[in-house]
Amino acid sequence: MERLSSRIERTCYPVIRIAILVGGGVVLCIPFWWMIVTAFDNAANVTVRIPPSLLFHKGYTGVLNFENTFHTIPILRYYLNSLLITLSVIALQTLSCSMAGYAFAKGRFPGKSKLFILFLATMMIPFQLYMVPLYLIMNTMGFVNTPLAVILPAIHSAYGVFLMSQYIRTLPESILEAARMEGAGEFRIFFTIILPLSKPVLATLTVLTALACWNDFLWPYLVLLKQSQYTITVGVSSFQQQNAVAVGNVVVVSLLAIAPVVVLYLFLQRFIISGITMGATKH
C-alpha cells in the first residue's frame, strides 16, 4: 500500500506542479497577447471592446495603429536616445564596477572591509531621498536636459561592485602573484588578466544594467525636458497623457517600448538568473 501511494505521489505531483506553472504562465501572458491583438486592431481607437477581445477580427486587422503612431511621435528618436544612454551607462558602469570590485576583492589597504560595508550600505538609501540634491547638482553643472544628466549618476552601482567583487574573490591569487613577479602593474593585471577571466560576470552585469537603464523613468522624466531628448519610457508616458482615448495608438507605443526588454530577457535570461544567485554562497 505504501509503495502504491509513493508511486502515485511520484507521478501525480510533477503533473500537478507542471499544470500549475503552465496555468500561471498562461495567465501572465494574457495581457501581452491582448496588447498584440489590440495593436493590430484598426478599430481599437474608435471602439473599446468589452470584454477585451483576445482574437483577431477579420476585416479590422491591420497596421493602421502603427502608421498613426509613427506619424504622431518621433518614436525612432526616442529609441536612439535610449540606446545612446543605455550603451554609455553600460560601458562606464561595467568599467567602474569592475575596477572597484577588483580593489575590494584583491586590494590591500587599511579599512577595506569597513569601506566595503559602507559602500554597500548605500543600496539601502532610497533614490527619492537624494533625488532633489542630485537634480540641483546636475542643474548647477549645466547638464539638465542633456544625456549626461542621466548617464553620470548611473556610473555608480553598489550592487555592481558587490557582484564583481564576489566573483573576483574566486580567482586564484597565484595568477596575480605570477604576473607581479613578471613586473606587471595593477592596471596591466586588471586589463589583461582580471577582465578576460571575468567575462561571465561582466555579461551578467551588462544585461542587468541594460534592463535597468532602458526601463528607468523617474530620473529621465525629471532631467530631460525637451521632447527631442526624451527616452522611450518618457516618450511613452507623454504620449499616453496626450492620447489616453486612442487605445490602439497607446498600446502600439507601449508594445514598442517593451519589445527590446522582452527580447533581451528571452535570449539572455540565464545571465539575469545568475546575477540574482551570484554571491549567495560565501567563498
C-alpha atoms as a PDB file:
ATOM      1  CA  MET A   1       0.000   0.000   0.000  1.00  0.00           C
ATOM      2  CA  GLU A   2       2.837   2.360   0.884  1.00  0.00           C
ATOM      3  CA  ARG A   3       4.586   1.566  -2.401  1.00  0.00           C
ATOM      4  CA  LEU A   4       1.388   2.362  -4.291  1.00  0.00           C
ATOM      5  CA  SER A   5       0.921   5.692  -2.515  1.00  0.00           C
ATOM      6  CA  SER A   6       4.554   6.671  -3.056  1.00  0.00           C
ATOM      7  CA  ARG A   7       4.271   5.759  -6.749  1.00  0.00           C
ATOM      8  CA  ILE A   8       1.153   7.933  -7.041  1.00  0.00           C
ATOM      9  CA  GLU A   9       2.989  10.802  -5.391  1.00  0.00           C
ATOM     10  CA  ARG A  10       5.924  10.471  -7.784  1.00  0.00           C
ATOM     11  CA  THR A  11       3.652  10.502 -10.833  1.00  0.00           C
ATOM     12  CA  CYS A  12       0.911  12.936  -9.751  1.00  0.00           C
ATOM     13  CA  TYR A  13       2.879  15.671  -8.024  1.00  0.00           C
ATOM     14  CA  PRO A  14       5.080  16.517 -11.042  1.00  0.00           C
ATOM     15  CA  VAL A  15       1.985  16.648 -13.263  1.00  0.00           C
ATOM     16  CA  ILE A  16       0.181  18.941 -10.811  1.00  0.00           C
ATOM     17  CA  ARG A  17       3.280  21.136 -10.475  1.00  0.00           C
ATOM     18  CA  ILE A  18       3.660  21.474 -14.236  1.00  0.00           C
ATOM     19  CA  ALA A  19      -0.070  22.187 -14.650  1.00  0.00           C
ATOM     20  CA  ILE A  20       0.101  24.979 -12.059  1.00  0.00           C
ATOM     21  CA  LEU A  21       3.198  26.514 -13.681  1.00  0.00           C
ATOM     22  CA  VAL A  22       1.696  26.331 -17.171  1.00  0.00           C
ATOM     23  CA  GLY A  23      -1.596  27.814 -15.948  1.00  0.00           C
ATOM     24  CA  GLY A  24       0.213  30.648 -14.191  1.00  0.00           C
ATOM     25  CA  GLY A  25       2.306  31.298 -17.274  1.00  0.00           C
ATOM     26  CA  VAL A  26      -0.798  31.485 -19.477  1.00  0.00           C
ATOM     27  CA  VAL A  27      -2.473  33.940 -17.090  1.00  0.00           C
ATOM     28  CA  LEU A  28       0.618  36.164 -17.083  1.00  0.00           C
ATOM     29  CA  CYS A  29       0.845  36.080 -20.890  1.00  0.00           C
ATOM     30  CA  ILE A  30      -2.794  37.090 -21.453  1.00  0.00           C
ATOM     31  CA  PRO A  31      -2.153  40.884 -21.054  1.00  0.00           C
ATOM     32  CA  PHE A  32       0.734  40.748 -23.527  1.00  0.00           C
ATOM     33  CA  TRP A  33      -1.371  38.815 -26.020  1.00  0.00           C
ATOM     34  CA  TRP A  34      -4.169  41.377 -25.610  1.00  0.00           C
ATOM     35  CA  MET A  35      -1.658  44.138 -26.380  1.00  0.00           C
ATOM     36  CA  ILE A  36      -0.629  42.391 -29.601  1.00  0.00           C
ATOM     37  CA  VAL A  37      -4.255  41.843 -30.685  1.00  0.00           C
ATOM     38  CA  THR A  38      -5.222  45.442 -29.858  1.00  0.00           C
ATOM     39  CA  ALA A  39      -2.151  46.859 -31.621  1.00  0.00           C
ATOM     40  CA  PHE A  40      -3.265  45.242 -34.890  1.00  0.00           C
ATOM     41  CA  ASP A  41      -6.957  46.119 -34.370  1.00  0.00           C
ATOM     42  CA  ASN A  42      -7.704  49.055 -36.687  1.00  0.00           C
ATOM     43  CA  ALA A  43     -10.916  49.801 -34.777  1.00  0.00           C
ATOM     44  CA  ALA A  44      -9.240  49.993 -31.364  1.00  0.00           C
ATOM     45  CA  ASN A  45      -9.069  53.808 -31.430  1.00  0.00           C
ATOM     46  CA  VAL A  46     -12.799  54.030 -32.139  1.00  0.00           C
ATOM     47  CA  THR A  47     -14.319  51.109 -30.266  1.00  0.00           C
ATOM     48  CA  VAL A  48     -13.235  49.798 -26.871  1.00  0.00           C
ATOM     49  CA  ARG A  49     -14.181  46.115 -26.800  1.00  0.00           C
ATOM     50  CA  ILE A  50     -15.750  44.996 -23.509  1.00  0.00           C
ATOM     51  CA  PRO A  51     -14.875  42.374 -22.517  1.00  0.00           C
ATOM     52  CA  PRO A  52     -11.415  42.711 -24.082  1.00  0.00           C
ATOM     53  CA  SER A  53     -11.016  40.598 -27.185  1.00  0.00           C
ATOM     54  CA  LEU A  54      -8.183  38.084 -27.418  1.00  0.00           C
ATOM     55  CA  LEU A  55      -8.855  37.157 -31.052  1.00  0.00           C
ATOM     56  CA  PHE A  56      -8.023  38.907 -34.296  1.00  0.00           C
ATOM     57  CA  HIS A  57     -11.155  40.209 -36.037  1.00  0.00           C
ATOM     58  CA  LYS A  58     -11.464  39.703 -39.776  1.00  0.00           C
ATOM     59  CA  GLY A  59     -11.770  42.997 -41.605  1.00  0.00           C
ATOM     60  CA  TYR A  60     -10.339  45.044 -38.744  1.00  0.00           C
ATOM     61  CA  THR A  61      -6.816  43.623 -38.578  1.00  0.00           C
ATOM     62  CA  GLY A  62      -4.048  45.814 -39.988  1.00  0.00           C
ATOM     63  CA  VAL A  63      -1.170  48.155 -39.241  1.00  0.00           C
ATOM     64  CA  LEU A  64      -3.163  51.401 -39.094  1.00  0.00           C
ATOM     65  CA  ASN A  65      -2.279  51.966 -35.434  1.00  0.00           C
ATOM     66  CA  PHE A  66       1.423  51.586 -36.208  1.00  0.00           C
ATOM     67  CA  GLU A  67       1.160  54.110 -39.072  1.00  0.00           C
ATOM     68  CA  ASN A  68      -0.632  56.611 -36.822  1.00  0.00           C
ATOM     69  CA  THR A  69       1.970  56.180 -34.097  1.00  0.00           C
ATOM     70  CA  PHE A  70       4.977  56.715 -36.372  1.00  0.00           C
ATOM     71  CA  HIS A  71       3.339  59.816 -37.838  1.00  0.00           C
ATOM     72  CA  THR A  72       2.348  61.223 -34.444  1.00  0.00           C
ATOM     73  CA  ILE A  73       5.516  60.934 -32.343  1.00  0.00           C
ATOM     74  CA  PRO A  74       9.246  60.587 -33.141  1.00  0.00           C
ATOM     75  CA  ILE A  75       9.415  57.043 -31.792  1.00  0.00           C
ATOM     76  CA  LEU A  76      12.692  56.311 -33.609  1.00  0.00           C
ATOM     77  CA  ARG A  77      14.266  59.359 -31.958  1.00  0.00           C
ATOM     78  CA  TYR A  78      13.185  58.048 -28.557  1.00  0.00           C
ATOM     79  CA  TYR A  79      14.752  54.702 -29.394  1.00  0.00           C
ATOM     80  CA  LEU A  80      18.001  56.383 -30.413  1.00  0.00           C
ATOM     81  CA  ASN A  81      18.138  58.442 -27.210  1.00  0.00           C
ATOM     82  CA  SER A  82      17.517  55.387 -25.040  1.00  0.00           C
ATOM     83  CA  LEU A  83      20.095  53.374 -26.975  1.00  0.00           C
ATOM     84  CA  LEU A  84      22.736  56.104 -26.615  1.00  0.00           C
ATOM     85  CA  ILE A  85      22.168  56.447 -22.868  1.00  0.00           C
ATOM     86  CA  THR A  86      21.980  52.694 -22.273  1.00  0.00           C
ATOM     87  CA  LEU A  87      25.206  51.903 -24.148  1.00  0.00           C
ATOM     88  CA  SER A  88      27.051  54.748 -22.420  1.00  0.00           C
ATOM     89  CA  VAL A  89      25.891  53.643 -18.967  1.00  0.00           C
ATOM     90  CA  ILE A  90      26.821  50.009 -19.710  1.00  0.00           C
ATOM     91  CA  ALA A  91      30.355  50.951 -20.771  1.00  0.00           C
ATOM     92  CA  LEU A  92      31.044  53.312 -17.869  1.00  0.00           C
ATOM     93  CA  GLN A  93      29.290  51.314 -15.162  1.00  0.00           C
ATOM     94  CA  THR A  94      30.902  47.986 -16.018  1.00  0.00           C
ATOM     95  CA  LEU A  95      34.337  49.644 -16.074  1.00  0.00           C
ATOM     96  CA  SER A  96      33.904  51.460 -12.760  1.00  0.00           C
ATOM     97  CA  CYS A  97      32.281  48.486 -11.019  1.00  0.00           C
ATOM     98  CA  SER A  98      34.932  46.044 -12.205  1.00  0.00           C
ATOM     99  CA  MET A  99      37.723  48.374 -11.051  1.00  0.00           C
ATOM    100  CA  ALA A 100      36.143  48.908  -7.648  1.00  0.00           C
ATOM    101  CA  GLY A 101      35.332  45.205  -7.363  1.00  0.00           C
ATOM    102  CA  TYR A 102      38.954  44.314  -8.092  1.00  0.00           C
ATOM    103  CA  ALA A 103      40.160  46.768  -5.445  1.00  0.00           C
ATOM    104  CA  PHE A 104      37.803  45.393  -2.805  1.00  0.00           C
ATOM    105  CA  ALA A 105      38.437  41.751  -3.731  1.00  0.00           C
ATOM    106  CA  LYS A 106      42.210  41.672  -4.171  1.00  0.00           C
ATOM    107  CA  GLY A 107      43.438  45.025  -2.898  1.00  0.00           C
ATOM    108  CA  ARG A 108      45.183  45.517   0.430  1.00  0.00           C
ATOM    109  CA  PHE A 109      44.598  48.839   2.153  1.00  0.00           C
ATOM    110  CA  PRO A 110      43.519  49.945   5.643  1.00  0.00           C
ATOM    111  CA  GLY A 111      39.799  49.893   6.373  1.00  0.00           C
ATOM    112  CA  LYS A 112      38.915  47.869   3.274  1.00  0.00           C
ATOM    113  CA  SER A 113      36.190  45.794   4.943  1.00  0.00           C
ATOM    114  CA  LYS A 114      34.576  48.783   6.659  1.00  0.00           C
ATOM    115  CA  LEU A 115      34.672  50.832   3.468  1.00  0.00           C
ATOM    116  CA  PHE A 116      33.134  47.952   1.519  1.00  0.00           C
ATOM    117  CA  ILE A 117      30.285  47.636   4.038  1.00  0.00           C
ATOM    118  CA  LEU A 118      29.748  51.403   3.927  1.00  0.00           C
ATOM    119  CA  PHE A 119      29.729  51.271   0.140  1.00  0.00           C
ATOM    120  CA  LEU A 120      27.114  48.502   0.112  1.00  0.00           C
ATOM    121  CA  ALA A 121      25.027  50.383   2.681  1.00  0.00           C
ATOM    122  CA  THR A 122      24.247  52.978   0.002  1.00  0.00           C
ATOM    123  CA  MET A 123      21.877  50.403  -1.540  1.00  0.00           C
ATOM    124  CA  MET A 124      19.562  50.959   1.445  1.00  0.00           C
ATOM    125  CA  ILE A 125      19.175  54.684   0.672  1.00  0.00           C
ATOM    126  CA  PRO A 126      16.052  55.296  -1.462  1.00  0.00           C
ATOM    127  CA  PHE A 127      16.625  57.244  -4.643  1.00  0.00           C
ATOM    128  CA  GLN A 128      13.821  59.644  -3.708  1.00  0.00           C
ATOM    129  CA  LEU A 129      15.851  60.735  -0.679  1.00  0.00           C
ATOM    130  CA  TYR A 130      18.705  62.243  -2.699  1.00  0.00           C
ATOM    131  CA  MET A 131      16.799  62.933  -5.900  1.00  0.00           C
ATOM    132  CA  VAL A 132      16.418  66.696  -5.283  1.00  0.00           C
ATOM    133  CA  PRO A 133      20.070  67.315  -4.295  1.00  0.00           C
ATOM    134  CA  LEU A 134      21.179  65.300  -7.315  1.00  0.00           C
ATOM    135  CA  TYR A 135      18.969  67.404  -9.576  1.00  0.00           C
ATOM    136  CA  LEU A 136      20.415  70.622  -8.105  1.00  0.00           C
ATOM    137  CA  ILE A 137      23.935  69.343  -8.730  1.00  0.00           C
ATOM    138  CA  MET A 138      23.128  68.442 -12.340  1.00  0.00           C
ATOM    139  CA  ASN A 139      21.443  71.825 -12.847  1.00  0.00           C
ATOM    140  CA  THR A 140      24.419  73.706 -11.383  1.00  0.00           C
ATOM    141  CA  MET A 141      26.793  71.838 -13.691  1.00  0.00           C
ATOM    142  CA  GLY A 142      24.568  72.652 -16.668  1.00  0.00           C
ATOM    143  CA  PHE A 143      23.777  69.032 -17.516  1.00  0.00           C
ATOM    144  CA  VAL A 144      19.977  69.232 -17.172  1.00  0.00           C
ATOM    145  CA  ASN A 145      18.209  68.478 -20.452  1.00  0.00           C
ATOM    146  CA  THR A 146      21.242  66.624 -21.784  1.00  0.00           C
ATOM    147  CA  PRO A 147      22.023  62.877 -21.843  1.00  0.00           C
ATOM    148  CA  LEU A 148      24.868  63.490 -19.384  1.00  0.00           C
ATOM    149  CA  ALA A 149      22.314  64.195 -16.643  1.00  0.00           C
ATOM    150  CA  VAL A 150      21.124  60.582 -16.980  1.00  0.00           C
ATOM    151  CA  ILE A 151      24.486  58.956 -17.718  1.00  0.00           C
ATOM    152  CA  LEU A 152      26.723  60.416 -14.998  1.00  0.00           C
ATOM    153  CA  PRO A 153      24.629  59.432 -11.920  1.00  0.00           C
ATOM    154  CA  ALA A 154      24.268  55.895 -13.300  1.00  0.00           C
ATOM    155  CA  ILE A 155      28.032  55.261 -13.355  1.00  0.00           C
ATOM    156  CA  HIS A 156      27.871  54.284  -9.687  1.00  0.00           C
ATOM    157  CA  SER A 157      26.289  50.949  -8.770  1.00  0.00           C
ATOM    158  CA  ALA A 158      26.853  49.427  -5.339  1.00  0.00           C
ATOM    159  CA  TYR A 159      25.225  46.187  -6.475  1.00  0.00           C
ATOM    160  CA  GLY A 160      27.520  46.048  -9.498  1.00  0.00           C
ATOM    161  CA  VAL A 161      30.589  46.470  -7.279  1.00  0.00           C
ATOM    162  CA  PHE A 162      29.318  43.721  -4.975  1.00  0.00           C
ATOM    163  CA  LEU A 163      28.691  41.429  -7.946  1.00  0.00           C
ATOM    164  CA  MET A 164      32.167  41.990  -9.385  1.00  0.00           C
ATOM    165  CA  SER A 165      33.992  41.707  -6.062  1.00  0.00           C
ATOM    166  CA  GLN A 166      32.286  38.414  -5.187  1.00  0.00           C
ATOM    167  CA  TYR A 167      33.331  36.902  -8.499  1.00  0.00           C
ATOM    168  CA  ILE A 168      36.891  38.269  -8.495  1.00  0.00           C
ATOM    169  CA  ARG A 169      37.407  36.821  -4.993  1.00  0.00           C
ATOM    170  CA  THR A 170      37.110  33.355  -6.542  1.00  0.00           C
ATOM    171  CA  LEU A 171      40.015  33.950  -8.943  1.00  0.00           C
ATOM    172  CA  PRO A 172      43.259  32.302  -7.755  1.00  0.00           C
ATOM    173  CA  GLU A 173      45.765  34.636  -6.126  1.00  0.00           C
ATOM    174  CA  SER A 174      48.651  32.678  -7.666  1.00  0.00           C
ATOM    175  CA  ILE A 175      47.884  34.087 -11.135  1.00  0.00           C
ATOM    176  CA  LEU A 176      48.136  37.654  -9.872  1.00  0.00           C
ATOM    177  CA  GLU A 177      51.326  36.957  -7.917  1.00  0.00           C
ATOM    178  CA  ALA A 178      52.923  35.412 -11.008  1.00  0.00           C
ATOM    179  CA  ALA A 179      52.024  38.483 -13.044  1.00  0.00           C
ATOM    180  CA  ARG A 180      53.513  40.777 -10.399  1.00  0.00           C
ATOM    181  CA  MET A 181      56.726  38.758 -10.359  1.00  0.00           C
ATOM    182  CA  GLU A 182      56.940  39.314 -14.126  1.00  0.00           C
ATOM    183  CA  GLY A 183      56.790  43.054 -13.489  1.00  0.00           C
ATOM    184  CA  ALA A 184      53.151  43.689 -14.415  1.00  0.00           C
ATOM    185  CA  GLY A 185      51.483  46.659 -12.731  1.00  0.00           C
ATOM    186  CA  GLU A 186      47.982  46.695 -11.287  1.00  0.00           C
ATOM    187  CA  PHE A 187      46.417  48.286 -14.356  1.00  0.00           C
ATOM    188  CA  ARG A 188      48.014  45.742 -16.655  1.00  0.00           C
ATOM    189  CA  ILE A 189      46.892  42.898 -14.369  1.00  0.00           C
ATOM    190  CA  PHE A 190      43.384  44.321 -14.353  1.00  0.00           C
ATOM    191  CA  PHE A 191      43.024  44.732 -18.118  1.00  0.00           C
ATOM    192  CA  THR A 192      44.921  41.606 -19.246  1.00  0.00           C
ATOM    193  CA  ILE A 193      44.002  39.100 -16.530  1.00  0.00           C
ATOM    194  CA  ILE A 194      41.040  40.178 -14.404  1.00  0.00           C
ATOM    195  CA  LEU A 195      38.752  41.396 -17.187  1.00  0.00           C
ATOM    196  CA  PRO A 196      39.240  38.382 -19.516  1.00  0.00           C
ATOM    197  CA  LEU A 197      38.638  35.972 -16.627  1.00  0.00           C
ATOM    198  CA  SER A 198      35.550  37.936 -15.527  1.00  0.00           C
ATOM    199  CA  LYS A 199      33.612  37.637 -18.797  1.00  0.00           C
ATOM    200  CA  PRO A 200      30.694  35.659 -17.245  1.00  0.00           C
ATOM    201  CA  VAL A 201      30.015  38.200 -14.511  1.00  0.00           C
ATOM    202  CA  LEU A 202      30.608  41.092 -16.910  1.00  0.00           C
ATOM    203  CA  ALA A 203      27.935  39.649 -19.201  1.00  0.00           C
ATOM    204  CA  THR A 204      25.554  39.386 -16.241  1.00  0.00           C
ATOM    205  CA  LEU A 205      26.249  42.952 -15.137  1.00  0.00           C
ATOM    206  CA  THR A 206      25.796  44.191 -18.716  1.00  0.00           C
ATOM    207  CA  VAL A 207      22.363  42.593 -19.039  1.00  0.00           C
ATOM    208  CA  LEU A 208      21.161  43.828 -15.636  1.00  0.00           C
ATOM    209  CA  THR A 209      22.451  47.338 -16.345  1.00  0.00           C
ATOM    210  CA  ALA A 210      20.816  47.416 -19.782  1.00  0.00           C
ATOM    211  CA  LEU A 211      17.432  46.365 -18.379  1.00  0.00           C
ATOM    212  CA  ALA A 212      17.566  48.869 -15.528  1.00  0.00           C
ATOM    213  CA  CYS A 213      18.699  51.741 -17.748  1.00  0.00           C
ATOM    214  CA  TRP A 214      16.204  51.064 -20.537  1.00  0.00           C
ATOM    215  CA  ASN A 215      13.281  50.848 -18.073  1.00  0.00           C
ATOM    216  CA  ASP A 216      14.311  53.872 -15.993  1.00  0.00           C
ATOM    217  CA  PHE A 217      11.607  56.513 -15.986  1.00  0.00           C
ATOM    218  CA  LEU A 218      11.629  58.835 -12.952  1.00  0.00           C
ATOM    219  CA  TRP A 219      15.086  60.368 -13.291  1.00  0.00           C
ATOM    220  CA  PRO A 220      14.969  60.886 -17.104  1.00  0.00           C
ATOM    221  CA  TYR A 221      11.494  62.370 -16.620  1.00  0.00           C
ATOM    222  CA  LEU A 222      12.944  64.978 -14.252  1.00  0.00           C
ATOM    223  CA  VAL A 223      16.073  65.993 -16.157  1.00  0.00           C
ATOM    224  CA  LEU A 224      15.036  65.612 -19.820  1.00  0.00           C
ATOM    225  CA  LEU A 225      12.660  68.471 -20.594  1.00  0.00           C
ATOM    226  CA  LYS A 226      12.757  68.741 -24.385  1.00  0.00           C
ATOM    227  CA  GLN A 227      10.874  66.222 -26.495  1.00  0.00           C
ATOM    228  CA  SER A 228      13.938  65.724 -28.682  1.00  0.00           C
ATOM    229  CA  GLN A 229      15.824  64.430 -25.615  1.00  0.00           C
ATOM    230  CA  TYR A 230      13.119  62.024 -24.362  1.00  0.00           C
ATOM    231  CA  THR A 231      13.960  58.402 -23.750  1.00  0.00           C
ATOM    232  CA  ILE A 232      11.480  55.740 -24.806  1.00  0.00           C
ATOM    233  CA  THR A 233       9.894  55.492 -21.341  1.00  0.00           C
ATOM    234  CA  VAL A 234       9.423  59.260 -21.016  1.00  0.00           C
ATOM    235  CA  GLY A 235       8.118  59.473 -24.587  1.00  0.00           C
ATOM    236  CA  VAL A 236       5.588  56.699 -23.946  1.00  0.00           C
ATOM    237  CA  SER A 237       4.352  58.416 -20.780  1.00  0.00           C
ATOM    238  CA  SER A 238       3.986  61.759 -22.548  1.00  0.00           C
ATOM    239  CA  PHE A 239       2.130  60.136 -25.444  1.00  0.00           C
ATOM    240  CA  GLN A 240      -0.233  58.301 -23.091  1.00  0.00           C
ATOM    241  CA  GLN A 241      -1.119  61.538 -21.315  1.00  0.00           C
ATOM    242  CA  GLN A 242      -1.952  63.244 -24.598  1.00  0.00           C
ATOM    243  CA  ASN A 243      -3.754  60.310 -26.289  1.00  0.00           C
ATOM    244  CA  ALA A 244      -5.448  58.434 -23.464  1.00  0.00           C
ATOM    245  CA  VAL A 245      -8.582  57.850 -25.582  1.00  0.00           C
ATOM    246  CA  ALA A 246      -6.699  56.421 -28.573  1.00  0.00           C
ATOM    247  CA  VAL A 247      -6.274  52.957 -27.071  1.00  0.00           C
ATOM    248  CA  GLY A 248      -4.798  51.405 -30.202  1.00  0.00           C
ATOM    249  CA  ASN A 249      -2.045  54.008 -30.536  1.00  0.00           C
ATOM    250  CA  VAL A 250      -1.211  53.864 -26.830  1.00  0.00           C
ATOM    251  CA  VAL A 251      -0.912  50.075 -26.951  1.00  0.00           C
ATOM    252  CA  VAL A 252       1.368  50.255 -30.001  1.00  0.00           C
ATOM    253  CA  VAL A 253       3.705  52.709 -28.269  1.00  0.00           C
ATOM    254  CA  SER A 254       3.763  50.561 -25.125  1.00  0.00           C
ATOM    255  CA  LEU A 255       4.433  47.439 -27.183  1.00  0.00           C
ATOM    256  CA  LEU A 256       7.337  49.086 -28.997  1.00  0.00           C
ATOM    257  CA  ALA A 257       8.773  50.250 -25.670  1.00  0.00           C
ATOM    258  CA  ILE A 258       8.816  46.829 -24.009  1.00  0.00           C
ATOM    259  CA  ALA A 259       9.777  44.807 -27.109  1.00  0.00           C
ATOM    260  CA  PRO A 260      13.590  45.200 -26.675  1.00  0.00           C
ATOM    261  CA  VAL A 261      13.348  44.271 -22.986  1.00  0.00           C
ATOM    262  CA  VAL A 262      11.327  41.133 -23.722  1.00  0.00           C
ATOM    263  CA  VAL A 263      13.699  40.043 -26.486  1.00  0.00           C
ATOM    264  CA  LEU A 264      16.726  40.726 -24.282  1.00  0.00           C
ATOM    265  CA  TYR A 265      15.262  38.706 -21.429  1.00  0.00           C
ATOM    266  CA  LEU A 266      14.268  35.753 -23.629  1.00  0.00           C
ATOM    267  CA  PHE A 267      17.764  35.357 -25.057  1.00  0.00           C
ATOM    268  CA  LEU A 268      19.835  36.333 -22.003  1.00  0.00           C
ATOM    269  CA  GLN A 269      17.724  35.149 -19.089  1.00  0.00           C
ATOM    270  CA  ARG A 270      20.466  32.815 -17.833  1.00  0.00           C
ATOM    271  CA  PHE A 271      22.683  35.827 -17.154  1.00  0.00           C
ATOM    272  CA  ILE A 272      19.845  37.530 -15.244  1.00  0.00           C
ATOM    273  CA  ILE A 273      19.268  34.434 -13.118  1.00  0.00           C
ATOM    274  CA  SER A 274      22.992  34.059 -12.431  1.00  0.00           C
ATOM    275  CA  GLY A 275      23.105  37.711 -11.406  1.00  0.00           C
ATOM    276  CA  ILE A 276      20.381  37.082  -8.844  1.00  0.00           C
ATOM    277  CA  THR A 277      22.028  33.961  -7.420  1.00  0.00           C
ATOM    278  CA  MET A 278      25.665  35.091  -7.655  1.00  0.00           C
ATOM    279  CA  GLY A 279      27.089  35.893  -4.271  1.00  0.00           C
ATOM    280  CA  ALA A 280      24.531  33.751  -2.470  1.00  0.00           C
ATOM    281  CA  THR A 281      27.302  31.389  -1.394  1.00  0.00           C
ATOM    282  CA  LYS A 282      30.235  32.514   0.683  1.00  0.00           C
ATOM    283  CA  HIS A 283      33.651  31.813  -0.793  1.00  0.00           C
END
